[in-house]
Amino acid sequence: MTVKVNDSCIACGACESICSEVFSIEDRAVVNESAVADNIDAVKEAADACPVGAIEVE
């Protein structure tokens, strides 16, 4: 699974609050790719919760 954060990210922190193992907020959300495989359900939940649809899960 590949997780990317596109340029529409507003750094609201929703993804980090749902899955801080994978997402952290800097200027925008940053993905810790090494933690994605162990947190797939939480990553999908964070993507669904993103208010601007900035998290792309492939």
Protein backbone atom coordinates (compact mmCIF):
# COMPACT_ATOMS: atom_id res chain seq x y z
CA MET A 1 0.00 0.00 0.00
CA THR A 2 1.22 3.46 -0.90
CA VAL A 3 0.11 6.50 1.09
CA LYS A 4 0.69 10.04 -0.14
CA VAL A 5 -0.42 13.45 1.05
CA ASN A 6 -1.20 15.83 -1.80
CA ASP A 7 -0.87 19.61 -1.92
CA SER A 8 -4.41 20.23 -0.74
CA CYS A 9 -3.41 19.30 2.85
CA ILE A 10 -4.32 22.05 5.32
CA ALA A 11 -2.40 20.50 8.26
CA CYS A 12 -5.58 20.22 10.35
CA GLY A 13 -4.20 17.29 12.35
CA ALA A 14 -7.15 14.92 11.85
CA CYS A 15 -4.95 12.20 10.38
CA GLU A 16 -2.38 12.52 13.17
CA SER A 17 -5.10 12.28 15.84
CA ILE A 18 -6.38 9.06 14.25
CA CYS A 19 -3.03 7.44 13.42
CA SER A 20 0.00 9.18 14.94
CA GLU A 21 2.15 6.12 14.14
CA VAL A 22 1.89 6.99 10.43
CA PHE A 23 1.02 10.70 10.22
CA SER A 24 2.73 13.73 11.71
CA ILE A 25 2.07 17.38 11.01
CA GLU A 26 4.81 19.71 9.87
CA ASP A 27 3.93 22.29 7.18
CA ARG A 28 1.51 19.60 6.07
CA ALA A 29 0.98 15.97 6.96
CA VAL A 30 4.01 13.72 6.59
CA VAL A 31 3.78 9.94 6.17
CA ASN A 32 6.01 7.50 8.07
CA GLU A 33 6.04 4.88 5.33
CA SER A 34 7.67 2.21 7.49
CA ALA A 35 4.60 2.17 9.78
CA VAL A 36 1.91 1.96 7.09
CA ALA A 37 1.77 -1.85 6.82
CA ASP A 38 1.09 -2.28 10.55
CA ASN A 39 -1.65 0.38 10.59
CA ILE A 40 -3.64 -0.17 7.39
CA ASP A 41 -7.12 0.16 8.95
CA ALA A 42 -6.17 3.37 10.79
CA VAL A 43 -4.61 4.81 7.62
CA LYS A 44 -7.84 4.19 5.71
CA GLU A 45 -9.84 5.76 8.55
CA ALA A 46 -7.56 8.82 8.49
CA ALA A 47 -7.94 9.13 4.72
CA ASP A 48 -11.72 8.99 5.06
CA ALA A 49 -11.65 11.62 7.83
CA CYS A 50 -9.49 14.11 5.93
CA PRO A 51 -11.69 17.16 5.36
CA VAL A 52 -10.00 18.07 2.06
CA GLY A 53 -9.28 14.57 0.71
CA ALA A 54 -5.53 15.11 0.78
CA ILE A 55 -4.57 11.54 1.75
CA GLU A 56 -4.22 9.24 -1.24
CA VAL A 57 -4.17 5.51 -0.52
CA GLU A 58 -3.25 3.18 -3.37
